[in-house]
PDB file of N, CA and C in Angstrom:
ATOM      1  N   UNK A   1      -0.428   8.642 147.616  1.00  0.00           N
ATOM      2  CA  UNK A   1       0.567   7.997 147.810  1.00  0.00           C
ATOM      3  C   UNK A   1       0.772   7.395 149.390  1.00  0.00           C
ATOM      4  N   UNK A   2       0.227   8.057 150.221  1.00  0.00           N
ATOM      5  CA  UNK A   2       0.272   7.472 151.586  1.00  0.00           C
ATOM      6  C   UNK A   2      -0.989   6.566 151.808  1.00  0.00           C
ATOM      7  N   UNK A   3      -1.865   6.653 150.808  1.00  0.00           N
ATOM      8  CA  UNK A   3      -3.133   5.554 150.694  1.00  0.00           C
ATOM      9  C   UNK A   3      -2.585   4.245 150.292  1.00  0.00           C
ATOM     10  N   UNK A   4      -1.588   4.272 149.307  1.00  0.00           N
ATOM     11  CA  UNK A   4      -0.955   3.405 148.639  1.00  0.00           C
ATOM     12  C   UNK A   4       0.007   2.326 149.448  1.00  0.00           C
ATOM     13  N   UNK A   5       0.838   2.813 150.134  1.00  0.00           N
ATOM     14  CA  UNK A   5       1.444   2.377 151.086  1.00  0.00           C
ATOM     15  C   UNK A   5       0.516   1.651 152.358  1.00  0.00           C
ATOM     16  N   UNK A   6      -0.101   2.430 152.355  1.00  0.00           N
ATOM     17  CA  UNK A   6      -1.108   1.991 153.627  1.00  0.00           C
ATOM     18  C   UNK A   6      -1.833   0.529 153.227  1.00  0.00           C
ATOM     19  N   UNK A   7      -2.445   0.840 152.269  1.00  0.00           N
ATOM     20  CA  UNK A   7      -3.153  -0.621 151.777  1.00  0.00           C
ATOM     21  C   UNK A   7      -1.992  -1.654 151.507  1.00  0.00           C
ATOM     22  N   UNK A   8      -0.664  -1.203 150.854  1.00  0.00           N
ATOM     23  CA  UNK A   8       0.115  -2.561 150.717  1.00  0.00           C
ATOM     24  C   UNK A   8       0.565  -3.177 152.033  1.00  0.00           C
ATOM     25  N   UNK A   9       0.941  -2.177 152.969  1.00  0.00           N
ATOM     26  CA  UNK A   9       1.060  -2.556 154.340  1.00  0.00           C
ATOM     27  C   UNK A   9       0.021  -3.528 155.009  1.00  0.00           C
ATOM     28  N   UNK A  10      -1.483  -3.247 154.558  1.00  0.00           N
ATOM     29  CA  UNK A  10      -2.352  -3.855 155.143  1.00  0.00           C
ATOM     30  C   UNK A  10      -2.781  -5.051 154.591  1.00  0.00           C
ATOM     31  N   UNK A  11      -2.216  -5.437 153.289  1.00  0.00           N
ATOM     32  CA  UNK A  11      -2.321  -6.621 152.645  1.00  0.00           C
ATOM     33  C   UNK A  11      -1.128  -7.470 153.546  1.00  0.00           C
ATOM     34  N   UNK A  12      -0.035  -7.231 153.580  1.00  0.00           N
ATOM     35  CA  UNK A  12       1.000  -7.830 154.389  1.00  0.00           C
ATOM     36  C   UNK A  12       0.545  -8.059 155.748  1.00  0.00           C
ATOM     37  N   UNK A  13      -0.095  -7.348 156.416  1.00  0.00           N
ATOM     38  CA  UNK A  13      -0.847  -7.583 157.853  1.00  0.00           C
ATOM     39  C   UNK A  13      -1.891  -8.644 157.669  1.00  0.00           C
ATOM     40  N   UNK A  14      -2.515  -8.540 156.756  1.00  0.00           N
ATOM     41  CA  UNK A  14      -3.737  -9.578 156.296  1.00  0.00           C
ATOM     42  C   UNK A  14      -2.930 -10.771 156.109  1.00  0.00           C
ATOM     43  N   UNK A  15      -1.860 -11.051 155.372  1.00  0.00           N
ATOM     44  CA  UNK A  15      -1.584 -12.235 155.208  1.00  0.00           C
ATOM     45  C   UNK A  15      -1.017 -12.777 156.524  1.00  0.00           C
ATOM     46  N   UNK A  16      -0.024 -11.978 157.163  1.00  0.00           N
ATOM     47  CA  UNK A  16       0.481 -12.319 158.212  1.00  0.00           C
ATOM     48  C   UNK A  16      -0.709 -13.031 159.242  1.00  0.00           C
ATOM     49  N   UNK A  17      -1.610 -12.009 159.655  1.00  0.00           N
ATOM     50  CA  UNK A  17      -2.492 -12.425 160.786  1.00  0.00           C
ATOM     51  C   UNK A  17      -3.358 -13.258 160.265  1.00  0.00           C
ATOM     52  N   UNK A  18      -3.451 -13.807 159.166  1.00  0.00           N
ATOM     53  CA  UNK A  18      -4.137 -15.287 158.634  1.00  0.00           C
ATOM     54  C   UNK A  18      -3.591 -16.546 158.906  1.00  0.00           C
ATOM     55  N   UNK A  19      -1.934 -16.264 158.645  1.00  0.00           N
ATOM     56  CA  UNK A  19      -1.225 -17.555 159.189  1.00  0.00           C
ATOM     57  C   UNK A  19      -0.994 -17.653 160.276  1.00  0.00           C
ATOM     58  N   UNK A  20      -1.319 -16.311 161.499  1.00  0.00           N
ATOM     59  CA  UNK A  20      -1.169 -16.614 162.996  1.00  0.00           C
ATOM     60  C   UNK A  20      -2.447 -17.371 163.349  1.00  0.00           C
ATOM     61  N   UNK A  21      -3.832 -16.901 162.727  1.00  0.00           N
ATOM     62  CA  UNK A  21      -4.920 -17.288 162.980  1.00  0.00           C
ATOM     63  C   UNK A  21      -4.872 -18.708 162.959  1.00  0.00           C
ATOM     64  N   UNK A  22      -4.376 -19.545 161.532  1.00  0.00           N
ATOM     65  CA  UNK A  22      -4.108 -20.871 161.088  1.00  0.00           C
ATOM     66  C   UNK A  22      -3.856 -21.463 162.166  1.00  0.00           C
ATOM     67  N   UNK A  23      -2.570 -20.600 162.903  1.00  0.00           N
ATOM     68  CA  UNK A  23      -1.825 -21.685 163.885  1.00  0.00           C
ATOM     69  C   UNK A  23      -2.905 -21.691 165.276  1.00  0.00           C
ATOM     70  N   UNK A  24      -3.661 -20.613 165.425  1.00  0.00           N
ATOM     71  CA  UNK A  24      -4.280 -20.536 166.761  1.00  0.00           C
ATOM     72  C   UNK A  24      -5.331 -21.526 166.624  1.00  0.00           C
ATOM     73  N   UNK A  25      -6.101 -21.727 165.448  1.00  0.00           N
ATOM     74  CA  UNK A  25      -7.227 -22.492 165.140  1.00  0.00           C
ATOM     75  C   UNK A  25      -7.074 -24.003 164.858  1.00  0.00           C
ATOM     76  N   UNK A  26      -5.656 -24.134 164.521  1.00  0.00           N
ATOM     77  CA  UNK A  26      -4.802 -25.417 164.149  1.00  0.00           C
ATOM     78  C   UNK A  26      -5.561 -26.178 163.051  1.00  0.00           C
ATOM     79  N   UNK A  27      -5.649 -25.345 161.891  1.00  0.00           N
ATOM     80  CA  UNK A  27      -6.051 -25.459 160.546  1.00  0.00           C
ATOM     81  C   UNK A  27      -7.818 -25.700 160.382  1.00  0.00           C
ATOM     82  N   UNK A  28      -8.485 -25.334 161.811  1.00  0.00           N
ATOM     83  CA  UNK A  28      -9.510 -25.088 161.686  1.00  0.00           C
ATOM     84  C   UNK A  28     -10.643 -24.011 161.352  1.00  0.00           C
ATOM     85  N   UNK A  29      -9.918 -23.112 160.372  1.00  0.00           N
ATOM     86  CA  UNK A  29     -10.477 -21.874 160.447  1.00  0.00           C
ATOM     87  C   UNK A  29     -12.169 -21.987 159.650  1.00  0.00           C
ATOM     88  N   UNK A  30     -12.631 -21.079 160.116  1.00  0.00           N
ATOM     89  CA  UNK A  30     -14.236 -21.346 159.854  1.00  0.00           C
ATOM     90  C   UNK A  30     -14.793 -21.440 158.000  1.00  0.00           C
ATOM     91  N   UNK A  31     -13.300 -20.964 157.544  1.00  0.00           N
ATOM     92  CA  UNK A  31     -13.632 -20.660 155.860  1.00  0.00           C
ATOM     93  C   UNK A  31     -12.296 -21.344 155.447  1.00  0.00           C
ATOM     94  N   UNK A  32     -12.490 -22.146 154.034  1.00  0.00           N
ATOM     95  CA  UNK A  32     -11.333 -22.696 153.528  1.00  0.00           C
ATOM     96  C   UNK A  32     -10.090 -21.798 153.263  1.00  0.00           C
ATOM     97  N   UNK A  33      -8.868 -22.377 153.153  1.00  0.00           N
ATOM     98  CA  UNK A  33      -7.708 -21.446 153.239  1.00  0.00           C
ATOM     99  C   UNK A  33      -7.597 -20.461 152.152  1.00  0.00           C
ATOM    100  N   UNK A  34      -7.838 -20.493 150.969  1.00  0.00           N
ATOM    101  CA  UNK A  34      -7.928 -19.427 150.232  1.00  0.00           C
ATOM    102  C   UNK A  34      -8.857 -18.530 150.322  1.00  0.00           C
ATOM    103  N   UNK A  35     -10.208 -18.650 150.952  1.00  0.00           N
ATOM    104  CA  UNK A  35     -11.205 -17.772 151.333  1.00  0.00           C
ATOM    105  C   UNK A  35     -10.742 -17.210 152.854  1.00  0.00           C
ATOM    106  N   UNK A  36      -9.883 -17.746 153.399  1.00  0.00           N
ATOM    107  CA  UNK A  36      -9.459 -17.466 154.870  1.00  0.00           C
ATOM    108  C   UNK A  36      -8.463 -16.199 154.461  1.00  0.00           C
ATOM    109  N   UNK A  37      -7.319 -16.486 153.338  1.00  0.00           N
ATOM    110  CA  UNK A  37      -6.498 -15.322 153.303  1.00  0.00           C
ATOM    111  C   UNK A  37      -7.168 -13.969 152.557  1.00  0.00           C
ATOM    112  N   UNK A  38      -8.414 -14.431 151.691  1.00  0.00           N
ATOM    113  CA  UNK A  38      -8.975 -13.347 151.191  1.00  0.00           C
ATOM    114  C   UNK A  38     -10.012 -12.345 152.238  1.00  0.00           C
ATOM    115  N   UNK A  39     -10.428 -13.289 153.287  1.00  0.00           N
ATOM    116  CA  UNK A  39     -11.224 -12.446 154.293  1.00  0.00           C
ATOM    117  C   UNK A  39     -10.440 -11.942 155.020  1.00  0.00           C
ATOM    118  N   UNK A  40      -8.870 -12.424 155.518  1.00  0.00           N
ATOM    119  CA  UNK A  40      -8.040 -11.625 156.410  1.00  0.00           C
ATOM    120  C   UNK A  40      -7.278 -10.266 155.528  1.00  0.00           C
ATOM    121  N   UNK A  41      -7.421 -10.409 154.427  1.00  0.00           N
ATOM    122  CA  UNK A  41      -7.037  -9.262 153.555  1.00  0.00           C
ATOM    123  C   UNK A  41      -7.608  -7.936 153.383  1.00  0.00           C
ATOM    124  N   UNK A  42      -9.042  -8.390 153.212  1.00  0.00           N
ATOM    125  CA  UNK A  42     -10.082  -7.258 153.264  1.00  0.00           C
ATOM    126  C   UNK A  42     -10.405  -6.738 154.705  1.00  0.00           C
ATOM    127  N   UNK A  43     -10.539  -7.624 155.611  1.00  0.00           N
ATOM    128  CA  UNK A  43     -10.556  -7.324 156.877  1.00  0.00           C
ATOM    129  C   UNK A  43      -9.662  -6.198 157.195  1.00  0.00           C
ATOM    130  N   UNK A  44      -8.491  -6.405 156.915  1.00  0.00           N
ATOM    131  CA  UNK A  44      -7.428  -5.830 157.297  1.00  0.00           C
ATOM    132  C   UNK A  44      -7.378  -4.379 156.640  1.00  0.00           C
ATOM    133  N   UNK A  45      -7.912  -4.362 155.134  1.00  0.00           N
ATOM    134  CA  UNK A  45      -7.706  -3.172 154.511  1.00  0.00           C
ATOM    135  C   UNK A  45      -8.977  -2.424 155.258  1.00  0.00           C
ATOM    136  N   UNK A  46     -10.127  -2.856 155.354  1.00  0.00           N
ATOM    137  CA  UNK A  46     -11.280  -2.152 155.529  1.00  0.00           C
ATOM    138  C   UNK A  46     -10.868  -1.377 157.012  1.00  0.00           C
ATOM    139  N   UNK A  47     -10.362  -2.022 157.818  1.00  0.00           N
ATOM    140  CA  UNK A  47     -10.274  -1.680 159.196  1.00  0.00           C
ATOM    141  C   UNK A  47      -9.074  -0.571 159.202  1.00  0.00           C
ATOM    142  N   UNK A  48      -8.118  -0.712 158.513  1.00  0.00           N
ATOM    143  CA  UNK A  48      -6.942   0.123 158.418  1.00  0.00           C
ATOM    144  C   UNK A  48      -7.503   1.480 157.863  1.00  0.00           C
ATOM    145  N   UNK A  49      -8.251   1.126 156.831  1.00  0.00           N
ATOM    146  CA  UNK A  49      -8.694   2.672 156.200  1.00  0.00           C
ATOM    147  C   UNK A  49      -9.669   3.490 156.902  1.00  0.00           C
ATOM    148  N   UNK A  50     -10.513   2.363 157.722  1.00  0.00           N
ATOM    149  CA  UNK A  50     -11.493   3.256 158.684  1.00  0.00           C
ATOM    150  C   UNK A  50     -10.731   4.012 159.972  1.00  0.00           C
ATOM    151  N   UNK A  51      -9.651   3.319 160.298  1.00  0.00           N
ATOM    152  CA  UNK A  51      -8.668   3.870 161.198  1.00  0.00           C
ATOM    153  C   UNK A  51      -8.003   5.362 160.755  1.00  0.00           C
ATOM    154  N   UNK A  52      -7.623   5.194 159.295  1.00  0.00           N
ATOM    155  CA  UNK A  52      -6.869   6.012 158.741  1.00  0.00           C
ATOM    156  C   UNK A  52      -7.775   7.777 158.888  1.00  0.00           C
ATOM    157  N   UNK A  53      -9.046   7.473 158.288  1.00  0.00           N
ATOM    158  CA  UNK A  53      -9.867   8.622 158.075  1.00  0.00           C
ATOM    159  C   UNK A  53     -10.593   8.993 159.072  1.00  0.00           C
ATOM    160  N   UNK A  54     -11.651   7.730 160.101  1.00  0.00           N
ATOM    161  CA  UNK A  54     -12.350   8.155 161.085  1.00  0.00           C
ATOM    162  C   UNK A  54     -11.678   8.730 162.265  1.00  0.00           C
ATOM    163  N   UNK A  55     -10.515   8.624 162.656  1.00  0.00           N
ATOM    164  CA  UNK A  55      -9.792   8.705 163.838  1.00  0.00           C
ATOM    165  C   UNK A  55      -9.353  10.153 163.830  1.00  0.00           C
ATOM    166  N   UNK A  56      -8.969  10.806 162.626  1.00  0.00           N
ATOM    167  CA  UNK A  56      -8.804  12.138 162.608  1.00  0.00           C
ATOM    168  C   UNK A  56     -10.211  13.049 162.700  1.00  0.00           C
ATOM    169  N   UNK A  57     -11.140  11.970 162.052  1.00  0.00           N
ATOM    170  CA  UNK A  57     -12.186  12.968 161.772  1.00  0.00           C
ATOM    171  C   UNK A  57     -13.073  13.164 163.176  1.00  0.00           C
ATOM    172  N   UNK A  58     -12.663  12.361 164.311  1.00  0.00           N
ATOM    173  CA  UNK A  58     -13.406  12.397 165.280  1.00  0.00           C
ATOM    174  C   UNK A  58     -12.670  13.298 166.574  1.00  0.00           C
ATOM    175  N   UNK A  59     -11.530  14.010 165.820  1.00  0.00           N
ATOM    176  CA  UNK A  59     -10.715  15.120 166.458  1.00  0.00           C
ATOM    177  C   UNK A  59      -9.675  14.271 167.279  1.00  0.00           C
ATOM    178  N   UNK A  60      -9.275  13.064 167.014  1.00  0.00           N
ATOM    179  CA  UNK A  60      -7.972  12.591 167.865  1.00  0.00           C
ATOM    180  C   UNK A  60      -6.698  12.969 167.251  1.00  0.00           C
ATOM    181  N   UNK A  61      -5.795  12.762 168.042  1.00  0.00           N
ATOM    182  CA  UNK A  61      -4.536  12.963 167.291  1.00  0.00           C
ATOM    183  C   UNK A  61      -3.776  12.682 166.308  1.00  0.00           C
ATOM    184  N   UNK A  62      -2.951  12.550 165.527  1.00  0.00           N
ATOM    185  CA  UNK A  62      -2.200  11.958 164.802  1.00  0.00           C
ATOM    186  C   UNK A  62      -1.383  10.630 165.496  1.00  0.00           C
ATOM    187  N   UNK A  63      -1.139  10.730 166.529  1.00  0.00           N
ATOM    188  CA  UNK A  63      -0.419   9.645 167.100  1.00  0.00           C
ATOM    189  C   UNK A  63      -1.558   8.551 167.432  1.00  0.00           C
ATOM    190  N   UNK A  64      -2.512   8.889 167.825  1.00  0.00           N
ATOM    191  CA  UNK A  64      -3.460   7.627 168.151  1.00  0.00           C
ATOM    192  C   UNK A  64      -3.857   7.317 166.407  1.00  0.00           C
ATOM    193  N   UNK A  65      -3.959   8.098 165.629  1.00  0.00           N
ATOM    194  CA  UNK A  65      -4.290   7.491 164.392  1.00  0.00           C
ATOM    195  C   UNK A  65      -3.407   6.345 164.134  1.00  0.00           C
ATOM    196  N   UNK A  66      -1.848   6.662 163.974  1.00  0.00           N
ATOM    197  CA  UNK A  66      -0.890   5.729 163.621  1.00  0.00           C
ATOM    198  C   UNK A  66      -0.860   4.653 164.503  1.00  0.00           C
ATOM    199  N   UNK A  67      -1.325   4.538 166.169  1.00  0.00           N
ATOM    200  CA  UNK A  67      -1.305   3.469 166.646  1.00  0.00           C
ATOM    201  C   UNK A  67      -2.967   2.803 166.435  1.00  0.00           C
ATOM    202  N   UNK A  68      -3.697   3.350 166.298  1.00  0.00           N
ATOM    203  CA  UNK A  68      -4.687   2.606 165.849  1.00  0.00           C
ATOM    204  C   UNK A  68      -4.686   2.089 164.498  1.00  0.00           C
ATOM    205  N   UNK A  69      -4.045   2.630 163.402  1.00  0.00           N
ATOM    206  CA  UNK A  69      -3.549   1.703 162.033  1.00  0.00           C
ATOM    207  C   UNK A  69      -2.586   0.713 162.397  1.00  0.00           C
ATOM    208  N   UNK A  70      -1.735   0.621 163.489  1.00  0.00           N
ATOM    209  CA  UNK A  70      -0.762  -0.276 163.581  1.00  0.00           C
ATOM    210  C   UNK A  70      -1.465  -1.673 164.493  1.00  0.00           C
ATOM    211  N   UNK A  71      -2.391  -1.292 165.172  1.00  0.00           N
ATOM    212  CA  UNK A  71      -2.769  -2.407 166.119  1.00  0.00           C
ATOM    213  C   UNK A  71      -4.036  -3.063 165.783  1.00  0.00           C
ATOM    214  N   UNK A  72      -5.206  -1.954 165.415  1.00  0.00           N
ATOM    215  CA  UNK A  72      -6.798  -2.700 165.056  1.00  0.00           C
ATOM    216  C   UNK A  72      -6.748  -3.618 163.879  1.00  0.00           C
ATOM    217  N   UNK A  73      -6.230  -3.217 162.517  1.00  0.00           N
ATOM    218  CA  UNK A  73      -6.435  -4.365 161.770  1.00  0.00           C
ATOM    219  C   UNK A  73      -5.688  -5.711 162.047  1.00  0.00           C
ATOM    220  N   UNK A  74      -4.730  -5.609 162.904  1.00  0.00           N
ATOM    221  CA  UNK A  74      -3.899  -6.859 163.092  1.00  0.00           C
ATOM    222  C   UNK A  74      -5.261  -7.913 164.056  1.00  0.00           C
ATOM    223  N   UNK A  75      -5.481  -7.027 165.069  1.00  0.00           N
ATOM    224  CA  UNK A  75      -6.235  -7.729 166.266  1.00  0.00           C
ATOM    225  C   UNK A  75      -7.756  -7.942 165.335  1.00  0.00           C
ATOM    226  N   UNK A  76      -7.994  -7.577 164.392  1.00  0.00           N
ATOM    227  CA  UNK A  76      -9.436  -7.705 163.716  1.00  0.00           C
ATOM    228  C   UNK A  76      -9.548  -9.014 162.873  1.00  0.00           C
ATOM    229  N   UNK A  77      -8.248  -9.620 162.693  1.00  0.00           N
ATOM    230  CA  UNK A  77      -8.723 -10.800 161.655  1.00  0.00           C
ATOM    231  C   UNK A  77      -9.053 -12.092 162.681  1.00  0.00           C
ATOM    232  N   UNK A  78      -8.367 -12.245 163.755  1.00  0.00           N
ATOM    233  CA  UNK A  78      -8.831 -13.323 164.744  1.00  0.00           C
ATOM    234  C   UNK A  78     -10.134 -13.079 164.979  1.00  0.00           C
ATOM    235  N   UNK A  79     -10.957 -11.686 165.536  1.00  0.00           N
ATOM    236  CA  UNK A  79     -11.992 -11.492 165.810  1.00  0.00           C
ATOM    237  C   UNK A  79     -13.071 -11.575 164.650  1.00  0.00           C
ATOM    238  N   UNK A  80     -12.936 -11.586 163.641  1.00  0.00           N
ATOM    239  CA  UNK A  80     -13.629 -11.867 162.181  1.00  0.00           C
ATOM    240  C   UNK A  80     -13.830 -13.161 162.415  1.00  0.00           C
ATOM    241  N   UNK A  81     -12.552 -13.812 162.104  1.00  0.00           N
ATOM    242  CA  UNK A  81     -12.845 -15.117 162.229  1.00  0.00           C
ATOM    243  C   UNK A  81     -13.469 -15.861 163.607  1.00  0.00           C
ATOM    244  N   UNK A  82     -13.623 -15.400 164.503  1.00  0.00           N
ATOM    245  CA  UNK A  82     -14.326 -16.063 165.605  1.00  0.00           C
ATOM    246  C   UNK A  82     -15.674 -15.826 165.414  1.00  0.00           C
ATOM    247  N   UNK A  83     -16.075 -14.267 164.925  1.00  0.00           N
ATOM    248  CA  UNK A  83     -17.318 -14.109 164.588  1.00  0.00           C
ATOM    249  C   UNK A  83     -17.865 -15.189 163.394  1.00  0.00           C
ATOM    250  N   UNK A  84     -17.166 -15.378 162.491  1.00  0.00           N
ATOM    251  CA  UNK A  84     -17.682 -16.411 161.330  1.00  0.00           C
ATOM    252  C   UNK A  84     -17.789 -17.540 161.955  1.00  0.00           C
ATOM    253  N   UNK A  85     -16.905 -17.904 162.988  1.00  0.00           N
ATOM    254  CA  UNK A  85     -17.307 -19.532 163.379  1.00  0.00           C
ATOM    255  C   UNK A  85     -18.561 -19.597 163.920  1.00  0.00           C
ATOM    256  N   UNK A  86     -18.628 -18.204 164.982  1.00  0.00           N
ATOM    257  CA  UNK A  86     -19.829 -18.211 165.801  1.00  0.00           C
ATOM    258  C   UNK A  86     -21.168 -18.551 164.982  1.00  0.00           C
ATOM    259  N   UNK A  87     -21.189 -17.830 164.205  1.00  0.00           N
ATOM    260  CA  UNK A  87     -22.298 -17.657 163.121  1.00  0.00           C
ATOM    261  C   UNK A  87     -22.640 -18.880 162.421  1.00  0.00           C
ATOM    262  N   UNK A  88     -21.641 -19.633 161.879  1.00  0.00           N
ATOM    263  CA  UNK A  88     -21.536 -21.122 161.159  1.00  0.00           C
ATOM    264  C   UNK A  88     -22.193 -22.188 162.522  1.00  0.00           C
ATOM    265  N   UNK A  89     -22.015 -21.926 163.566  1.00  0.00           N
ATOM    266  CA  UNK A  89     -22.293 -22.916 164.447  1.00  0.00           C
ATOM    267  C   UNK A  89     -23.426 -22.669 165.148  1.00  0.00           C
TER     268      UNK A  89
END
């Protein structure tokens, strides 16, 4: 049940961060708008699930796991858009 809640939260975070990235780049995202939302959602889900499972496997505390799940997926979306933009140019 926790995983479903995590994935649902990551979908919402992906939508919000894609919108914020659109504001940062002033509608010049490296991919089209429908694709940008897909990239944002997929990025947050992958990073969020990696944080959820990898951080405890490395021996870190649950507190660090929750901090990682809260921060890293949101910060990864603009980073992925920047990487795509640099790869296209």
